[in-house]
PDB file of N, CA and C in Angstrom:
ATOM      1  N   MET A   1     -30.300 265.808  45.644  1.00  0.00           N
ATOM      2  CA  MET A   1     -29.007 265.348  46.122  1.00  0.00           C
ATOM      3  C   MET A   1     -29.194 263.929  46.675  1.00  0.00           C
ATOM      4  N   SER A   2     -28.346 263.017  46.246  1.00  0.00           N
ATOM      5  CA  SER A   2     -28.475 261.629  46.671  1.00  0.00           C
ATOM      6  C   SER A   2     -27.921 261.434  48.082  1.00  0.00           C
ATOM      7  N   LYS A   3     -28.228 260.287  48.642  1.00  0.00           N
ATOM      8  CA  LYS A   3     -27.750 259.975  49.990  1.00  0.00           C
ATOM      9  C   LYS A   3     -26.220 259.941  50.027  1.00  0.00           C
ATOM     10  N   ALA A   4     -25.612 259.396  48.994  1.00  0.00           N
ATOM     11  CA  ALA A   4     -24.149 259.336  48.920  1.00  0.00           C
ATOM     12  C   ALA A   4     -23.542 260.737  48.865  1.00  0.00           C
ATOM     13  N   GLU A   5     -24.180 261.629  48.121  1.00  0.00           N
ATOM     14  CA  GLU A   5     -23.682 263.003  48.023  1.00  0.00           C
ATOM     15  C   GLU A   5     -23.812 263.734  49.354  1.00  0.00           C
ATOM     16  N   ILE A   6     -24.916 263.482  50.054  1.00  0.00           N
ATOM     17  CA  ILE A   6     -25.118 264.098  51.364  1.00  0.00           C
ATOM     18  C   ILE A   6     -24.064 263.600  52.346  1.00  0.00           C
ATOM     19  N   GLU A   7     -23.799 262.297  52.327  1.00  0.00           N
ATOM     20  CA  GLU A   7     -22.775 261.725  53.206  1.00  0.00           C
ATOM     21  C   GLU A   7     -21.407 262.298  52.878  1.00  0.00           C
ATOM     22  N   GLN A   8     -21.117 262.457  51.588  1.00  0.00           N
ATOM     23  CA  GLN A   8     -19.838 263.030  51.160  1.00  0.00           C
ATOM     24  C   GLN A   8     -19.705 264.466  51.668  1.00  0.00           C
ATOM     25  N   GLN A   9     -20.776 265.247  51.586  1.00  0.00           N
ATOM     26  CA  GLN A   9     -20.771 266.618  52.084  1.00  0.00           C
ATOM     27  C   GLN A   9     -20.525 266.653  53.588  1.00  0.00           C
ATOM     28  N   GLN A  10     -21.151 265.732  54.308  1.00  0.00           N
ATOM     29  CA  GLN A  10     -20.966 265.674  55.758  1.00  0.00           C
ATOM     30  C   GLN A  10     -19.525 265.326  56.113  1.00  0.00           C
ATOM     31  N   LEU A  11     -18.934 264.393  55.363  1.00  0.00           N
ATOM     32  CA  LEU A  11     -17.529 264.034  55.595  1.00  0.00           C
ATOM     33  C   LEU A  11     -16.615 265.223  55.321  1.00  0.00           C
ATOM     34  N   LEU A  12     -16.900 265.948  54.241  1.00  0.00           N
ATOM     35  CA  LEU A  12     -16.090 267.118  53.904  1.00  0.00           C
ATOM     36  C   LEU A  12     -16.202 268.187  54.992  1.00  0.00           C
ATOM     37  N   LYS A  13     -17.409 268.404  55.496  1.00  0.00           N
ATOM     38  CA  LYS A  13     -17.608 269.400  56.545  1.00  0.00           C
ATOM     39  C   LYS A  13     -16.878 269.009  57.826  1.00  0.00           C
ATOM     40  N   ALA A  14     -16.902 267.719  58.169  1.00  0.00           N
ATOM     41  CA  ALA A  14     -16.196 267.253  59.361  1.00  0.00           C
ATOM     42  C   ALA A  14     -14.685 267.434  59.187  1.00  0.00           C
ATOM     43  N   ARG A  15     -14.181 267.108  58.009  1.00  0.00           N
ATOM     44  CA  ARG A  15     -12.753 267.279  57.720  1.00  0.00           C
ATOM     45  C   ARG A  15     -12.374 268.759  57.779  1.00  0.00           C
ATOM     46  N   LEU A  16     -13.240 269.606  57.238  1.00  0.00           N
ATOM     47  CA  LEU A  16     -13.004 271.046  57.246  1.00  0.00           C
ATOM     48  C   LEU A  16     -12.912 271.568  58.676  1.00  0.00           C
ATOM     49  N   GLU A  17     -13.814 271.137  59.532  1.00  0.00           N
ATOM     50  CA  GLU A  17     -13.791 271.571  60.932  1.00  0.00           C
ATOM     51  C   GLU A  17     -12.492 271.148  61.614  1.00  0.00           C
ATOM     52  N   ALA A  18     -12.047 269.915  61.342  1.00  0.00           N
ATOM     53  CA  ALA A  18     -10.804 269.423  61.949  1.00  0.00           C
ATOM     54  C   ALA A  18      -9.604 270.233  61.462  1.00  0.00           C
ATOM     55  N   LEU A  19      -9.571 270.524  60.181  1.00  0.00           N
ATOM     56  CA  LEU A  19      -8.462 271.306  59.622  1.00  0.00           C
ATOM     57  C   LEU A  19      -8.454 272.728  60.170  1.00  0.00           C
ATOM     58  N   GLU A  20      -9.630 273.345  60.269  1.00  0.00           N
ATOM     59  CA  GLU A  20      -9.702 274.700  60.808  1.00  0.00           C
ATOM     60  C   GLU A  20      -9.265 274.742  62.262  1.00  0.00           C
ATOM     61  N   SER A  21      -9.611 273.723  63.012  1.00  0.00           N
ATOM     62  CA  SER A  21      -9.201 273.646  64.412  1.00  0.00           C
ATOM     63  C   SER A  21      -7.680 273.524  64.521  1.00  0.00           C
ATOM     64  N   GLU A  22      -7.096 272.647  63.706  1.00  0.00           N
ATOM     65  CA  GLU A  22      -5.640 272.490  63.722  1.00  0.00           C
ATOM     66  C   GLU A  22      -4.951 273.786  63.289  1.00  0.00           C
ATOM     67  N   HIS A  23      -5.528 274.475  62.311  1.00  0.00           N
ATOM     68  CA  HIS A  23      -4.966 275.734  61.828  1.00  0.00           C
ATOM     69  C   HIS A  23      -4.947 276.774  62.954  1.00  0.00           C
ATOM     70  N   ARG A  24      -6.050 276.866  63.711  1.00  0.00           N
ATOM     71  CA  ARG A  24      -6.107 277.800  64.849  1.00  0.00           C
ATOM     72  C   ARG A  24      -5.095 277.413  65.925  1.00  0.00           C
ATOM     73  N   ASP A  25      -4.980 276.115  66.187  1.00  0.00           N
ATOM     74  CA  ASP A  25      -4.021 275.647  67.190  1.00  0.00           C
ATOM     75  C   ASP A  25      -2.596 276.002  66.783  1.00  0.00           C
ATOM     76  N   LEU A  26      -2.288 275.825  65.503  1.00  0.00           N
ATOM     77  CA  LEU A  26      -0.953 276.180  65.018  1.00  0.00           C
ATOM     78  C   LEU A  26      -0.700 277.672  65.164  1.00  0.00           C
ATOM     79  N   ASP A  27      -1.718 278.481  64.943  1.00  0.00           N
ATOM     80  CA  ASP A  27      -1.597 279.927  65.156  1.00  0.00           C
ATOM     81  C   ASP A  27      -1.107 280.215  66.575  1.00  0.00           C
ATOM     82  N   ASP A  28      -1.758 279.575  67.542  1.00  0.00           N
ATOM     83  CA  ASP A  28      -1.394 279.782  68.945  1.00  0.00           C
ATOM     84  C   ASP A  28       0.028 279.310  69.233  1.00  0.00           C
ATOM     85  N   VAL A  29       0.380 278.139  68.719  1.00  0.00           N
ATOM     86  CA  VAL A  29       1.712 277.580  68.955  1.00  0.00           C
ATOM     87  C   VAL A  29       2.780 278.480  68.342  1.00  0.00           C
ATOM     88  N   ILE A  30       2.548 278.932  67.116  1.00  0.00           N
ATOM     89  CA  ILE A  30       3.515 279.805  66.429  1.00  0.00           C
ATOM     90  C   ILE A  30       3.681 281.110  67.199  1.00  0.00           C
ATOM     91  N   GLU A  31       2.582 281.661  67.660  1.00  0.00           N
ATOM     92  CA  GLU A  31       2.645 282.920  68.419  1.00  0.00           C
ATOM     93  C   GLU A  31       3.451 282.750  69.705  1.00  0.00           C
ATOM     94  N   ARG A  32       3.185 281.653  70.429  1.00  0.00           N
ATOM     95  CA  ARG A  32       3.923 281.416  71.681  1.00  0.00           C
ATOM     96  C   ARG A  32       5.398 281.148  71.425  1.00  0.00           C
ATOM     97  N   LEU A  33       5.690 280.403  70.374  1.00  0.00           N
ATOM     98  CA  LEU A  33       7.077 280.087  70.044  1.00  0.00           C
ATOM     99  C   LEU A  33       7.850 281.349  69.664  1.00  0.00           C
ATOM    100  N   ALA A  34       7.213 282.231  68.924  1.00  0.00           N
ATOM    101  CA  ALA A  34       7.875 283.463  68.490  1.00  0.00           C
ATOM    102  C   ALA A  34       8.114 284.417  69.657  1.00  0.00           C
ATOM    103  N   GLU A  35       7.316 284.303  70.711  1.00  0.00           N
ATOM    104  CA  GLU A  35       7.491 285.169  71.880  1.00  0.00           C
ATOM    105  C   GLU A  35       8.713 284.780  72.704  1.00  0.00           C
ATOM    106  N   ASP A  36       9.047 283.491  72.698  1.00  0.00           N
ATOM    107  CA  ASP A  36      10.186 283.017  73.481  1.00  0.00           C
ATOM    108  C   ASP A  36      11.487 283.389  72.785  1.00  0.00           C
ATOM    109  N   LYS A  37      12.394 283.947  73.548  1.00  0.00           N
ATOM    110  CA  LYS A  37      13.704 284.301  73.007  1.00  0.00           C
ATOM    111  C   LYS A  37      14.758 283.478  73.708  1.00  0.00           C
ATOM    112  N   PRO A  38      15.666 282.859  73.052  1.00  0.00           N
ATOM    113  CA  PRO A  38      15.686 282.658  71.605  1.00  0.00           C
ATOM    114  C   PRO A  38      14.689 281.563  71.213  1.00  0.00           C
ATOM    115  N   PHE A  39      14.234 281.580  69.966  1.00  0.00           N
ATOM    116  CA  PHE A  39      13.300 280.563  69.518  1.00  0.00           C
ATOM    117  C   PHE A  39      13.933 279.716  68.425  1.00  0.00           C
ATOM    118  N   ASP A  40      13.388 278.535  68.259  1.00  0.00           N
ATOM    119  CA  ASP A  40      13.894 277.573  67.287  1.00  0.00           C
ATOM    120  C   ASP A  40      13.367 277.958  65.901  1.00  0.00           C
ATOM    121  N   GLN A  41      14.221 278.564  65.106  1.00  0.00           N
ATOM    122  CA  GLN A  41      13.828 279.054  63.786  1.00  0.00           C
ATOM    123  C   GLN A  41      13.357 277.922  62.879  1.00  0.00           C
ATOM    124  N   LEU A  42      14.029 276.782  62.919  1.00  0.00           N
ATOM    125  CA  LEU A  42      13.656 275.656  62.073  1.00  0.00           C
ATOM    126  C   LEU A  42      12.268 275.134  62.443  1.00  0.00           C
ATOM    127  N   LYS A  43      12.014 275.015  63.732  1.00  0.00           N
ATOM    128  CA  LYS A  43      10.706 274.554  64.186  1.00  0.00           C
ATOM    129  C   LYS A  43       9.623 275.536  63.763  1.00  0.00           C
ATOM    130  N   LEU A  44       9.907 276.826  63.892  1.00  0.00           N
ATOM    131  CA  LEU A  44       8.953 277.861  63.500  1.00  0.00           C
ATOM    132  C   LEU A  44       8.645 277.769  61.999  1.00  0.00           C
ATOM    133  N   GLN A  45       9.658 277.572  61.187  1.00  0.00           N
ATOM    134  CA  GLN A  45       9.458 277.451  59.741  1.00  0.00           C
ATOM    135  C   GLN A  45       8.606 276.229  59.406  1.00  0.00           C
ATOM    136  N   ARG A  46       8.866 275.112  60.087  1.00  0.00           N
ATOM    137  CA  ARG A  46       8.085 273.895  59.834  1.00  0.00           C
ATOM    138  C   ARG A  46       6.618 274.086  60.217  1.00  0.00           C
ATOM    139  N   LEU A  47       6.387 274.752  61.333  1.00  0.00           N
ATOM    140  CA  LEU A  47       5.016 275.007  61.764  1.00  0.00           C
ATOM    141  C   LEU A  47       4.288 275.919  60.768  1.00  0.00           C
ATOM    142  N   LYS A  48       4.985 276.937  60.298  1.00  0.00           N
ATOM    143  CA  LYS A  48       4.380 277.850  59.329  1.00  0.00           C
ATOM    144  C   LYS A  48       4.085 277.140  58.013  1.00  0.00           C
ATOM    145  N   LYS A  49       4.993 276.256  57.606  1.00  0.00           N
ATOM    146  CA  LYS A  49       4.774 275.493  56.374  1.00  0.00           C
ATOM    147  C   LYS A  49       3.563 274.580  56.522  1.00  0.00           C
ATOM    148  N   ARG A  50       3.431 273.941  57.677  1.00  0.00           N
ATOM    149  CA  ARG A  50       2.277 273.076  57.939  1.00  0.00           C
ATOM    150  C   ARG A  50       0.988 273.903  57.926  1.00  0.00           C
ATOM    151  N   LYS A  51       1.054 275.085  58.513  1.00  0.00           N
ATOM    152  CA  LYS A  51      -0.111 275.966  58.564  1.00  0.00           C
ATOM    153  C   LYS A  51      -0.542 276.363  57.151  1.00  0.00           C
ATOM    154  N   LEU A  52       0.412 276.676  56.283  1.00  0.00           N
ATOM    155  CA  LEU A  52       0.093 277.020  54.899  1.00  0.00           C
ATOM    156  C   LEU A  52      -0.519 275.835  54.159  1.00  0.00           C
ATOM    157  N   GLY A  53      -0.001 274.635  54.423  1.00  0.00           N
ATOM    158  CA  GLY A  53      -0.570 273.433  53.812  1.00  0.00           C
ATOM    159  C   GLY A  53      -2.009 273.218  54.249  1.00  0.00           C
ATOM    160  N   LEU A  54      -2.266 273.464  55.534  1.00  0.00           N
ATOM    161  CA  LEU A  54      -3.634 273.342  56.046  1.00  0.00           C
ATOM    162  C   LEU A  54      -4.548 274.355  55.371  1.00  0.00           C
ATOM    163  N   LYS A  55      -4.046 275.575  55.209  1.00  0.00           N
ATOM    164  CA  LYS A  55      -4.858 276.619  54.577  1.00  0.00           C
ATOM    165  C   LYS A  55      -5.225 276.225  53.150  1.00  0.00           C
ATOM    166  N   ASP A  56      -4.265 275.674  52.418  1.00  0.00           N
ATOM    167  CA  ASP A  56      -4.537 275.223  51.051  1.00  0.00           C
ATOM    168  C   ASP A  56      -5.607 274.133  51.035  1.00  0.00           C
ATOM    169  N   GLU A  57      -5.494 273.186  51.957  1.00  0.00           N
ATOM    170  CA  GLU A  57      -6.465 272.105  52.022  1.00  0.00           C
ATOM    171  C   GLU A  57      -7.845 272.629  52.429  1.00  0.00           C
ATOM    172  N   ILE A  58      -7.881 273.593  53.343  1.00  0.00           N
ATOM    173  CA  ILE A  58      -9.147 274.209  53.762  1.00  0.00           C
ATOM    174  C   ILE A  58      -9.817 274.876  52.562  1.00  0.00           C
ATOM    175  N   ILE A  59      -9.058 275.617  51.792  1.00  0.00           N
ATOM    176  CA  ILE A  59      -9.605 276.295  50.608  1.00  0.00           C
ATOM    177  C   ILE A  59     -10.146 275.273  49.611  1.00  0.00           C
ATOM    178  N   LEU A  60      -9.415 274.195  49.412  1.00  0.00           N
ATOM    179  CA  LEU A  60      -9.849 273.152  48.487  1.00  0.00           C
ATOM    180  C   LEU A  60     -11.166 272.525  48.934  1.00  0.00           C
ATOM    181  N   ILE A  61     -11.265 272.196  50.197  1.00  0.00           N
ATOM    182  CA  ILE A  61     -12.487 271.576  50.710  1.00  0.00           C
ATOM    183  C   ILE A  61     -13.658 272.551  50.648  1.00  0.00           C
ATOM    184  N   ARG A  62     -13.418 273.804  50.997  1.00  0.00           N
ATOM    185  CA  ARG A  62     -14.495 274.798  50.917  1.00  0.00           C
ATOM    186  C   ARG A  62     -15.018 274.921  49.487  1.00  0.00           C
ATOM    187  N   SER A  63     -14.112 274.862  48.522  1.00  0.00           N
ATOM    188  CA  SER A  63     -14.542 274.967  47.121  1.00  0.00           C
ATOM    189  C   SER A  63     -15.344 273.739  46.706  1.00  0.00           C
ATOM    190  N   ARG A  64     -15.065 272.595  47.305  1.00  0.00           N
ATOM    191  CA  ARG A  64     -15.837 271.389  46.990  1.00  0.00           C
ATOM    192  C   ARG A  64     -17.202 271.414  47.669  1.00  0.00           C
ATOM    193  N   ILE A  65     -17.276 272.039  48.839  1.00  0.00           N
ATOM    194  CA  ILE A  65     -18.560 272.137  49.547  1.00  0.00           C
ATOM    195  C   ILE A  65     -19.442 273.186  48.896  1.00  0.00           C
ATOM    196  N   LEU A  66     -18.859 274.330  48.599  1.00  0.00           N
ATOM    197  CA  LEU A  66     -19.600 275.441  47.998  1.00  0.00           C
ATOM    198  C   LEU A  66     -18.979 275.795  46.647  1.00  0.00           C
ATOM    199  N   PRO A  67     -19.299 275.038  45.606  1.00  0.00           N
ATOM    200  CA  PRO A  67     -18.686 275.324  44.314  1.00  0.00           C
ATOM    201  C   PRO A  67     -19.123 276.692  43.779  1.00  0.00           C
ATOM    202  N   ASP A  68     -18.221 277.319  43.043  1.00  0.00           N
ATOM    203  CA  ASP A  68     -18.545 278.621  42.447  1.00  0.00           C
ATOM    204  C   ASP A  68     -19.696 278.465  41.478  1.00  0.00           C
ATOM    205  N   ILE A  69     -20.612 279.389  41.572  1.00  0.00           N
ATOM    206  CA  ILE A  69     -21.744 279.389  40.652  1.00  0.00           C
ATOM    207  C   ILE A  69     -21.546 280.549  39.685  1.00  0.00           C
ATOM    208  N   ILE A  70     -21.442 280.197  38.418  1.00  0.00           N
ATOM    209  CA  ILE A  70     -21.245 281.223  37.400  1.00  0.00           C
ATOM    210  C   ILE A  70     -22.618 281.750  37.013  1.00  0.00           C
ATOM    211  N   ALA A  71     -22.790 283.041  37.203  1.00  0.00           N
ATOM    212  CA  ALA A  71     -24.106 283.640  36.916  1.00  0.00           C
ATOM    213  C   ALA A  71     -24.062 284.409  35.633  1.00  0.00           C
TER     214      ALA A  71
END
């Protein structure tokens, strides 16, 4: 593995950690927002949409870090 590839992997891992942290934070925010009555349905939908986008990006980065090995 070249130095550039190692650096790229490190950048991907750092990005992955940041995305996972934001995803967990959104979990907490969504949970607290849903507990409050009445809650802002539009805000809740936007947060959930952002959370799904983060999940997609997390999956993409994980696949780039650990590519599937066909055996």
